[in-house]
Protein backbone atom coordinates (compact mmCIF):
# COMPACT_ATOMS: atom_id res chain seq x y z
CA MET A 1 3.11 6.79 -22.63
CA PRO A 2 3.34 3.11 -24.25
CA ALA A 3 1.03 0.65 -23.17
CA ASN A 4 3.84 -1.61 -21.60
CA ARG A 5 4.88 1.21 -19.52
CA SER A 6 1.62 1.95 -18.06
CA TRP A 7 0.82 -1.34 -15.50
CA LYS A 8 4.28 0.00 -14.85
CA VAL A 9 3.28 3.32 -13.29
CA ARG A 10 -0.39 2.08 -12.33
CA LEU A 11 1.44 -0.84 -10.11
CA PRO A 12 3.01 1.61 -7.71
CA TRP A 13 -0.25 3.88 -7.08
CA ALA A 14 -2.31 0.40 -6.42
CA LEU A 15 0.16 -0.71 -4.09
CA VAL A 16 0.19 2.48 -1.98
CA MET A 17 -3.63 2.70 -2.13
CA SER A 18 -4.01 -0.95 -1.39
CA ARG A 19 -2.49 0.54 2.21
CA VAL A 20 -5.27 3.22 2.45
CA ALA A 21 -8.03 0.44 1.76
CA LEU A 22 -6.25 -1.46 4.30
CA ALA A 23 -5.99 0.63 7.01
CA PRO A 24 -10.19 0.11 8.11
CA VAL A 25 -9.81 -3.60 7.49
CA ALA A 26 -7.51 -3.53 10.12
CA VAL A 27 -10.01 -1.62 12.17
CA ALA A 28 -12.64 -3.61 10.99
CA ILE A 29 -10.67 -7.02 11.87
CA ALA A 30 -9.93 -5.62 15.60
CA TRP A 31 -13.52 -4.23 16.50
CA PHE A 32 -15.30 -7.64 15.59
CA ALA A 33 -12.83 -9.50 17.16
CA LEU A 34 -11.79 -11.80 14.43
CA PRO A 35 -9.02 -13.82 14.53
CA ALA A 36 -5.55 -13.04 15.21
CA TRP A 37 -4.86 -14.44 11.49
CA LEU A 38 -6.70 -12.07 10.28
CA TRP A 39 -5.28 -8.80 11.14
CA VAL A 40 -1.59 -10.49 10.79
CA SER A 41 -2.60 -11.47 7.28
CA GLN A 42 -3.48 -7.59 6.20
CA PHE A 43 -0.85 -6.39 8.37
CA VAL A 44 1.92 -8.91 6.33
CA LEU A 45 0.25 -7.55 3.38
CA ALA A 46 0.70 -4.03 4.12
CA ALA A 47 4.01 -4.21 4.59
CA LEU A 48 5.09 -5.85 1.32
CA SER A 49 2.94 -3.01 -0.68
CA ASP A 50 5.19 -0.42 1.58
CA LEU A 51 8.45 -2.68 0.59
CA TYR A 52 7.91 -2.62 -3.12
CA ASP A 53 5.60 0.15 -4.32
CA GLY A 54 8.91 2.13 -3.87
CA LYS A 55 11.49 -0.53 -5.12
CA LEU A 56 9.44 -1.57 -7.69
CA ALA A 57 8.87 2.56 -9.00
CA ARG A 58 12.59 3.51 -8.97
CA ARG A 59 13.69 0.14 -10.42
CA TRP A 60 11.16 0.92 -13.75
CA GLY A 61 12.09 5.09 -13.79
CA VAL A 62 8.57 5.53 -12.69
CA VAL A 63 9.15 6.89 -9.32
CA THR A 64 7.38 10.89 -8.44
CA GLU A 65 7.54 13.17 -6.11
CA ARG A 66 3.80 12.72 -6.33
CA LEU A 67 4.06 9.10 -5.47
CA ARG A 68 6.25 9.56 -2.97
CA LEU A 69 4.26 11.81 -1.09
CA ALA A 70 0.99 9.39 -1.82
CA ASP A 71 3.23 7.25 -0.22
CA SER A 72 3.96 9.31 2.86
CA VAL A 73 0.43 10.01 3.30
CA ALA A 74 -0.85 6.03 3.13
CA ASP A 75 1.80 4.96 5.31
CA THR A 76 0.23 7.61 7.72
CA ILE A 77 -3.71 6.46 7.55
CA TYR A 78 -2.74 2.47 7.69
CA VAL A 79 -0.57 3.44 10.92
CA LEU A 80 -3.24 5.60 12.71
CA GLY A 81 -5.62 2.70 11.63
CA VAL A 82 -3.46 0.05 13.52
């Protein structure tokens, strides 16, 4: 795989995994009663990552069945956390 294409494969995966990482953050913010703007901020980040992971993968032609499955699993984990 050419070096200039490598990051185009990794970025959608990183966006998917960021939602998995944000699930416990959402729980911690609520558990410790931190300011609401923190919770809203993490929610906006998760929503943007969900929007752009698939959009970028399709645009760059790097979407795979594994990425689609991982996206669904990440969404489920995040929603359970929220």
